[in-house]
């Protein structure tokens, strides 16, 4: 009996500790995209149109092209490192590298969830919501209009400001929806990811 109680207590403590760190989340599952910040969360419904997976040795990438019920196309990307690696640059810099952007403007940030407006090389702007709860996973969605983006921000945090630029890329063609530019050079030699041992000083 004591063993069972000890086990239950250990599981409960582990759950509480892990729950404390998970103050934000961006997740797609079963036609539903969920965005959470602290106690606030919202859901965007859509249909999976296309999915692409890639492997860069130390990094695994899943890209899902979705058509939201509102009609527009968005892309959800989930990048996870191998257990022996982690993302090195801050999330804002990672976005700049992945999209080869000229600059990145932060419109909102709370509990590891961020809203950015990226100015791309050709001068066009792209809205991105990104989340990085730990150093081994990076998730983001892009293609939302600024009106959609600001509605999401207000739902998550009524006191927050919003994104400024309204003339942004809105994805229509699902065949050319993926705008991120992942390659082996970026992952290993920029680098986006580094061995855990380097970060820990071993």
Protein backbone atom coordinates (compact mmCIF):
# COMPACT_ATOMS: atom_id res chain seq x y z
CA UNK A 1 0.00 0.00 0.00
CA UNK A 2 2.83 2.39 0.89
CA UNK A 3 4.45 1.60 -2.47
CA UNK A 4 1.25 2.48 -4.34
CA UNK A 5 0.85 5.77 -2.45
CA UNK A 6 4.51 6.66 -3.10
CA UNK A 7 4.08 5.92 -6.80
CA UNK A 8 0.91 8.03 -7.03
CA UNK A 9 2.65 10.91 -5.23
CA UNK A 10 5.66 10.68 -7.55
CA UNK A 11 3.42 10.74 -10.64
CA UNK A 12 1.42 13.68 -9.25
CA UNK A 13 4.58 15.70 -8.50
CA UNK A 14 5.96 14.95 -11.98
CA UNK A 15 2.67 16.05 -13.55
CA UNK A 16 2.63 19.30 -11.56
CA UNK A 17 6.26 20.10 -12.42
CA UNK A 18 5.78 19.38 -16.12
CA UNK A 19 2.52 21.33 -16.11
CA UNK A 20 4.25 24.41 -14.68
CA UNK A 21 6.62 24.57 -17.65
CA UNK A 22 3.89 24.12 -20.25
CA UNK A 23 2.41 27.62 -20.07
CA UNK A 24 1.85 27.87 -23.82
CA UNK A 25 1.25 25.46 -26.66
CA UNK A 26 0.69 25.39 -30.40
CA UNK A 27 -0.62 22.06 -31.61
CA UNK A 28 -2.40 20.48 -34.57
CA UNK A 29 -4.35 17.26 -34.24
CA UNK A 30 -7.42 15.76 -35.89
CA UNK A 31 -8.34 18.81 -38.03
CA UNK A 32 -7.97 21.19 -35.09
CA UNK A 33 -5.26 23.74 -34.49
CA UNK A 34 -5.06 24.70 -30.82
CA UNK A 35 -3.27 27.79 -29.51
CA UNK A 36 -2.82 28.20 -25.77
CA UNK A 37 -1.28 30.87 -23.54
CA UNK A 38 -1.55 30.31 -19.78
CA UNK A 39 -5.23 29.58 -19.06
CA UNK A 40 -6.48 31.00 -22.35
CA UNK A 41 -6.79 28.86 -25.46
CA UNK A 42 -8.58 28.87 -28.77
CA UNK A 43 -9.18 26.48 -31.59
CA UNK A 44 -9.04 26.92 -35.36
CA UNK A 45 -10.76 24.25 -37.42
CA UNK A 46 -9.51 23.25 -40.83
CA UNK A 47 -8.86 20.44 -43.29
CA UNK A 48 -5.48 18.83 -43.91
CA UNK A 49 -4.69 19.27 -47.61
CA UNK A 50 -1.10 18.12 -47.80
CA UNK A 51 1.69 16.90 -45.54
CA UNK A 52 5.44 16.77 -46.02
CA UNK A 53 8.12 15.25 -43.78
CA UNK A 54 11.87 15.77 -43.91
CA UNK A 55 14.88 14.49 -42.01
CA UNK A 56 18.05 16.56 -41.58
CA UNK A 57 19.88 13.94 -39.50
CA UNK A 58 19.71 15.87 -36.21
CA UNK A 59 16.33 17.48 -36.95
CA UNK A 60 12.96 16.05 -37.98
CA UNK A 61 10.46 18.28 -39.74
CA UNK A 62 6.73 17.90 -40.31
CA UNK A 63 4.91 20.42 -42.53
CA UNK A 64 1.12 20.39 -42.81
CA UNK A 65 -0.81 22.52 -45.30
CA UNK A 66 -4.29 23.26 -43.96
CA UNK A 67 -7.35 25.00 -45.30
CA UNK A 68 -9.13 26.73 -42.45
CA UNK A 69 -12.92 26.78 -42.28
CA UNK A 70 -12.61 30.53 -42.96
CA UNK A 71 -11.32 29.59 -46.45
CA UNK A 72 -7.67 30.58 -46.42
CA UNK A 73 -4.64 28.28 -46.48
CA UNK A 74 -2.12 28.16 -43.62
CA UNK A 75 0.97 26.05 -42.95
CA UNK A 76 1.75 24.39 -39.62
CA UNK A 77 5.34 23.26 -39.07
CA UNK A 78 6.71 21.14 -36.25
CA UNK A 79 10.51 20.80 -36.02
CA UNK A 80 12.06 18.50 -33.42
CA UNK A 81 15.73 17.84 -32.80
CA UNK A 82 17.33 14.51 -32.11
CA UNK A 83 17.60 13.82 -28.36
CA UNK A 84 21.31 14.76 -28.44
CA UNK A 85 20.71 18.16 -30.07
CA UNK A 86 18.84 21.39 -29.40
CA UNK A 87 18.05 24.67 -31.13
CA UNK A 88 20.81 27.20 -30.50
CA UNK A 89 19.60 30.68 -31.52
CA UNK A 90 16.73 32.52 -29.82
CA UNK A 91 13.38 31.82 -31.49
CA UNK A 92 13.24 35.25 -33.17
CA UNK A 93 16.60 34.62 -34.85
CA UNK A 94 15.52 31.09 -35.82
CA UNK A 95 12.54 32.58 -37.67
CA UNK A 96 14.84 34.95 -39.53
CA UNK A 97 17.09 32.07 -40.62
CA UNK A 98 14.30 29.65 -41.56
CA UNK A 99 12.45 32.18 -43.74
CA UNK A 100 15.57 34.05 -44.90
CA UNK A 101 13.86 37.23 -43.73
CA UNK A 102 15.39 40.71 -43.84
CA UNK A 103 13.90 41.56 -40.47
CA UNK A 104 11.51 40.24 -37.83
CA UNK A 105 9.02 42.40 -35.93
CA UNK A 106 7.53 40.99 -32.73
CA UNK A 107 3.84 41.88 -32.33
CA UNK A 108 3.16 39.80 -29.22
CA UNK A 109 4.99 37.51 -26.82
CA UNK A 110 3.96 35.67 -23.68
CA UNK A 111 4.94 32.38 -22.02
CA UNK A 112 7.07 31.18 -24.97
CA UNK A 113 4.42 31.92 -27.61
CA UNK A 114 5.24 34.73 -30.04
CA UNK A 115 3.56 36.56 -32.90
CA UNK A 116 5.86 37.92 -35.59
CA UNK A 117 5.58 39.88 -38.80
CA UNK A 118 8.47 38.89 -41.04
CA UNK A 119 9.75 41.14 -43.81
CA UNK A 120 11.01 38.74 -46.48
CA UNK A 121 13.79 39.36 -48.98
CA UNK A 122 11.34 40.49 -51.67
CA UNK A 123 9.73 43.01 -49.29
CA UNK A 124 6.54 41.03 -48.69
CA UNK A 125 5.32 40.52 -45.14
CA UNK A 126 4.39 37.21 -43.53
CA UNK A 127 2.48 36.68 -40.28
CA UNK A 128 3.85 33.90 -38.07
CA UNK A 129 2.78 32.49 -34.71
CA UNK A 130 5.64 30.52 -33.14
CA UNK A 131 6.00 28.52 -29.95
CA UNK A 132 9.03 26.96 -28.30
CA UNK A 133 8.29 25.38 -24.93
CA UNK A 134 11.70 23.72 -24.77
CA UNK A 135 14.97 23.88 -26.68
CA UNK A 136 14.33 20.69 -28.68
CA UNK A 137 11.07 21.59 -30.42
CA UNK A 138 9.96 24.56 -32.49
CA UNK A 139 6.40 24.90 -33.83
CA UNK A 140 4.88 27.65 -35.93
CA UNK A 141 1.99 28.52 -38.21
CA UNK A 142 1.94 31.10 -40.99
CA UNK A 143 -0.38 32.46 -43.66
CA UNK A 144 -2.95 34.13 -41.41
CA UNK A 145 -4.26 37.57 -42.35
CA UNK A 146 -3.52 40.42 -39.92
CA UNK A 147 -7.23 40.59 -39.05
CA UNK A 148 -7.17 36.88 -38.12
CA UNK A 149 -3.90 37.35 -36.25
CA UNK A 150 -5.15 40.29 -34.18
CA UNK A 151 -8.37 38.45 -33.38
CA UNK A 152 -6.31 35.54 -32.03
CA UNK A 153 -4.09 37.85 -29.96
CA UNK A 154 -7.13 39.57 -28.40
CA UNK A 155 -8.75 36.25 -27.57
CA UNK A 156 -5.58 35.02 -25.88
CA UNK A 157 -4.81 38.31 -24.14
CA UNK A 158 -7.47 41.09 -24.16
CA UNK A 159 -4.90 43.65 -22.92
CA UNK A 160 -2.37 42.96 -25.68
CA UNK A 161 -1.68 45.20 -28.64
CA UNK A 162 -1.72 43.80 -32.15
CA UNK A 163 0.20 43.41 -35.37
CA UNK A 164 0.57 46.64 -37.33
CA UNK A 165 1.10 45.77 -41.01
CA UNK A 166 -2.05 44.68 -42.84
CA UNK A 167 -0.75 44.06 -46.36
CA UNK A 168 0.64 40.57 -45.79
CA UNK A 169 0.98 37.30 -47.69
CA UNK A 170 -2.25 35.31 -47.73
CA UNK A 171 -1.79 31.80 -49.05
CA UNK A 172 -4.26 30.65 -51.70
CA UNK A 173 -2.47 27.95 -53.68
CA UNK A 174 -1.83 24.91 -51.50
CA UNK A 175 0.80 23.62 -53.96
CA UNK A 176 3.05 26.63 -53.25
CA UNK A 177 2.06 27.30 -49.67
CA UNK A 178 5.27 26.24 -47.91
CA UNK A 179 7.49 29.32 -47.62
CA UNK A 180 10.05 28.15 -45.05
CA UNK A 181 13.48 27.34 -46.45
CA UNK A 182 14.98 24.44 -44.52
CA UNK A 183 18.19 22.82 -45.73
CA UNK A 184 21.19 20.95 -44.35
CA UNK A 185 23.35 24.09 -44.47
CA UNK A 186 21.01 26.03 -42.18
CA UNK A 187 20.46 23.16 -39.78
CA UNK A 188 24.09 22.14 -39.31
CA UNK A 189 26.36 24.97 -40.41
CA UNK A 190 24.53 28.22 -39.60
CA UNK A 191 23.70 26.41 -37.24
CA UNK A 192 20.10 26.11 -36.14
CA UNK A 193 20.88 23.13 -33.92
CA UNK A 194 23.91 22.19 -31.84
CA UNK A 195 24.87 19.16 -29.73
CA UNK A 196 23.55 19.30 -26.17
CA UNK A 197 27.10 18.74 -24.91
CA UNK A 198 28.22 22.09 -26.39
CA UNK A 199 25.40 23.95 -24.65
CA UNK A 200 26.16 22.22 -21.36
CA UNK A 201 29.88 22.98 -21.57
CA UNK A 202 31.00 19.36 -21.72
